[in-house]
Amino acid sequence: MFTHAVTCRARQLLVEKRDEKAREAIEKAKHEEVERRKLGQDTAKLKQWKEERERKEFENSYKKQKEEDRLAREKVRADLERDRSVIVLFLYLLRIFTKFINYLPQ
């Protein structure tokens, strides 16, 4: 009878041990799932942050390029205006010179 009680107790301890390991495995699986989800969320946040940063860099680059283009157009316009002024001055002087030449005795 004693051996039977010991055997039953041993079996009971084995069952309890097995159940404890199963509970620990379940808890570990839950913990790993929580960590996996947290990692996924962190990865998504990092990806979103990176995309936002790249978008801002693109916008800044686009604005900078647009400003450079505007300044280049202004420079071309100023050069054209200066050239027009030189041409107008040249034509004016040519007219005066032509009149002067026509007034000279021949």
C-alpha atoms as a PDB file:
ATOM      1  CA  MET A   1       0.000   0.000   0.000  1.00  0.00           C
ATOM      2  CA  PHE A   2       2.841   2.354   0.804  1.00  0.00           C
ATOM      3  CA  THR A   3       4.418   1.770  -2.589  1.00  0.00           C
ATOM      4  CA  HIS A   4       1.099   2.388  -4.239  1.00  0.00           C
ATOM      5  CA  ALA A   5       0.742   5.706  -2.381  1.00  0.00           C
ATOM      6  CA  VAL A   6       4.303   6.650  -3.328  1.00  0.00           C
ATOM      7  CA  THR A   7       3.663   5.676  -6.942  1.00  0.00           C
ATOM      8  CA  CYS A   8       0.438   7.672  -6.996  1.00  0.00           C
ATOM      9  CA  ARG A   9       2.183  10.631  -5.407  1.00  0.00           C
ATOM     10  CA  ALA A  10       5.034  10.355  -7.924  1.00  0.00           C
ATOM     11  CA  ARG A  11       2.556  10.236 -10.792  1.00  0.00           C
ATOM     12  CA  GLN A  12       0.713  13.199  -9.333  1.00  0.00           C
ATOM     13  CA  LEU A  13       3.985  15.134  -9.062  1.00  0.00           C
ATOM     14  CA  LEU A  14       4.843  14.229 -12.663  1.00  0.00           C
ATOM     15  CA  VAL A  15       1.413  15.410 -13.833  1.00  0.00           C
ATOM     16  CA  GLU A  16       1.790  18.623 -11.824  1.00  0.00           C
ATOM     17  CA  LYS A  17       5.289  19.130 -13.229  1.00  0.00           C
ATOM     18  CA  ARG A  18       4.028  18.507 -16.770  1.00  0.00           C
ATOM     19  CA  ASP A  19       1.107  20.906 -16.216  1.00  0.00           C
ATOM     20  CA  GLU A  20       3.492  23.520 -14.808  1.00  0.00           C
ATOM     21  CA  LYS A  21       5.750  23.192 -17.870  1.00  0.00           C
ATOM     22  CA  ALA A  22       2.707  23.501 -20.123  1.00  0.00           C
ATOM     23  CA  ARG A  23       1.591  26.669 -18.297  1.00  0.00           C
ATOM     24  CA  GLU A  24       5.109  28.062 -18.555  1.00  0.00           C
ATOM     25  CA  ALA A  25       5.179  27.250 -22.276  1.00  0.00           C
ATOM     26  CA  ILE A  26       1.833  29.002 -22.738  1.00  0.00           C
ATOM     27  CA  GLU A  27       3.035  32.045 -20.781  1.00  0.00           C
ATOM     28  CA  LYS A  28       6.258  32.083 -22.748  1.00  0.00           C
ATOM     29  CA  ALA A  29       4.315  31.876 -26.015  1.00  0.00           C
ATOM     30  CA  LYS A  30       2.057  34.749 -24.891  1.00  0.00           C
ATOM     31  CA  HIS A  31       5.069  36.823 -23.903  1.00  0.00           C
ATOM     32  CA  GLU A  32       6.798  36.110 -27.225  1.00  0.00           C
ATOM     33  CA  GLU A  33       3.625  37.043 -29.112  1.00  0.00           C
ATOM     34  CA  VAL A  34       3.385  40.330 -27.193  1.00  0.00           C
ATOM     35  CA  GLU A  35       7.054  41.029 -27.958  1.00  0.00           C
ATOM     36  CA  ARG A  36       6.556  40.108 -31.627  1.00  0.00           C
ATOM     37  CA  ARG A  37       3.592  42.492 -31.908  1.00  0.00           C
ATOM     38  CA  LYS A  38       5.487  45.258 -30.106  1.00  0.00           C
ATOM     39  CA  LEU A  39       8.424  44.763 -32.434  1.00  0.00           C
ATOM     40  CA  GLY A  40       6.053  44.909 -35.411  1.00  0.00           C
ATOM     41  CA  GLN A  41       4.539  48.152 -34.132  1.00  0.00           C
ATOM     42  CA  ASP A  42       7.970  49.642 -33.490  1.00  0.00           C
ATOM     43  CA  THR A  43       9.072  48.614 -36.973  1.00  0.00           C
ATOM     44  CA  ALA A  44       5.963  50.214 -38.476  1.00  0.00           C
ATOM     45  CA  LYS A  45       6.582  53.433 -36.517  1.00  0.00           C
ATOM     46  CA  LEU A  46      10.199  53.484 -37.633  1.00  0.00           C
ATOM     47  CA  LYS A  47       9.172  52.933 -41.249  1.00  0.00           C
ATOM     48  CA  GLN A  48       6.591  55.726 -41.000  1.00  0.00           C
ATOM     49  CA  TRP A  49       9.147  58.066 -39.405  1.00  0.00           C
ATOM     50  CA  LYS A  50      11.677  57.247 -42.139  1.00  0.00           C
ATOM     51  CA  GLU A  51       9.123  57.846 -44.906  1.00  0.00           C
ATOM     52  CA  GLU A  52       8.120  61.145 -43.298  1.00  0.00           C
ATOM     53  CA  ARG A  53      11.753  62.215 -43.052  1.00  0.00           C
ATOM     54  CA  GLU A  54      12.373  61.266 -46.702  1.00  0.00           C
ATOM     55  CA  ARG A  55       9.234  63.163 -47.754  1.00  0.00           C
ATOM     56  CA  LYS A  56      10.400  66.257 -45.875  1.00  0.00           C
ATOM     57  CA  GLU A  57      13.868  65.977 -47.412  1.00  0.00           C
ATOM     58  CA  PHE A  58      12.270  65.668 -50.867  1.00  0.00           C
ATOM     59  CA  GLU A  59      10.054  68.694 -50.200  1.00  0.00           C
ATOM     60  CA  ASN A  60      13.033  70.728 -49.018  1.00  0.00           C
ATOM     61  CA  SER A  61      15.059  69.647 -52.026  1.00  0.00           C
ATOM     62  CA  TYR A  62      12.152  70.491 -54.335  1.00  0.00           C
ATOM     63  CA  LYS A  63      11.708  73.922 -52.724  1.00  0.00           C
ATOM     64  CA  LYS A  64      15.436  74.591 -52.945  1.00  0.00           C
ATOM     65  CA  GLN A  65      15.503  73.576 -56.628  1.00  0.00           C
ATOM     66  CA  LYS A  66      12.457  75.719 -57.314  1.00  0.00           C
ATOM     67  CA  GLU A  67      14.111  78.724 -55.633  1.00  0.00           C
ATOM     68  CA  GLU A  68      17.321  78.153 -57.604  1.00  0.00           C
ATOM     69  CA  ASP A  69      15.288  77.998 -60.829  1.00  0.00           C
ATOM     70  CA  ARG A  70      13.474  81.213 -59.906  1.00  0.00           C
ATOM     71  CA  LEU A  71      16.781  82.978 -59.217  1.00  0.00           C
ATOM     72  CA  ALA A  72      18.206  81.700 -62.501  1.00  0.00           C
ATOM     73  CA  ARG A  73      15.146  83.023 -64.390  1.00  0.00           C
ATOM     74  CA  GLU A  74      15.496  86.384 -62.642  1.00  0.00           C
ATOM     75  CA  LYS A  75      19.155  86.509 -63.640  1.00  0.00           C
ATOM     76  CA  VAL A  76      18.293  85.718 -67.267  1.00  0.00           C
ATOM     77  CA  ARG A  77      15.582  88.396 -67.236  1.00  0.00           C
ATOM     78  CA  ALA A  78      18.020  90.932 -65.761  1.00  0.00           C
ATOM     79  CA  ASP A  79      20.623  89.989 -68.381  1.00  0.00           C
ATOM     80  CA  LEU A  80      18.038  90.384 -71.156  1.00  0.00           C
ATOM     81  CA  GLU A  81      16.963  93.755 -69.779  1.00  0.00           C
ATOM     82  CA  ARG A  82      20.577  94.875 -69.577  1.00  0.00           C
ATOM     83  CA  ASP A  83      21.175  93.686 -73.146  1.00  0.00           C
ATOM     84  CA  ARG A  84      18.043  95.528 -74.314  1.00  0.00           C
ATOM     85  CA  SER A  85      19.279  98.667 -72.614  1.00  0.00           C
ATOM     86  CA  VAL A  86      22.671  98.331 -74.310  1.00  0.00           C
ATOM     87  CA  ILE A  87      21.022  97.769 -77.701  1.00  0.00           C
ATOM     88  CA  VAL A  88      18.709 100.759 -77.229  1.00  0.00           C
ATOM     89  CA  LEU A  89      21.676 102.890 -76.216  1.00  0.00           C
ATOM     90  CA  PHE A  90      23.675 101.624 -79.180  1.00  0.00           C
ATOM     91  CA  LEU A  91      20.814 102.409 -81.605  1.00  0.00           C
ATOM     92  CA  TYR A  92      20.398 105.840 -80.067  1.00  0.00           C
ATOM     93  CA  LEU A  93      24.107 106.566 -80.446  1.00  0.00           C
ATOM     94  CA  LEU A  94      24.053 105.190 -83.999  1.00  0.00           C
ATOM     95  CA  ARG A  95      21.217 107.554 -84.885  1.00  0.00           C
ATOM     96  CA  ILE A  96      23.067 110.511 -83.382  1.00  0.00           C
ATOM     97  CA  PHE A  97      26.271 109.523 -85.157  1.00  0.00           C
ATOM     98  CA  THR A  98      24.400 109.123 -88.456  1.00  0.00           C
ATOM     99  CA  LYS A  99      22.859 112.588 -88.072  1.00  0.00           C
ATOM    100  CA  PHE A 100      26.265 113.981 -87.207  1.00  0.00           C
ATOM    101  CA  ILE A 101      27.797 112.362 -90.291  1.00  0.00           C
ATOM    102  CA  ASN A 102      24.986 113.768 -92.478  1.00  0.00           C
ATOM    103  CA  TYR A 103      25.673 117.303 -91.176  1.00  0.00           C
ATOM    104  CA  LEU A 104      29.340 117.156 -92.040  1.00  0.00           C
ATOM    105  CA  PRO A 105      30.353 118.892 -95.290  1.00  0.00           C
ATOM    106  CA  GLN A 106      31.105 116.550 -98.105  1.00  0.00           C
END
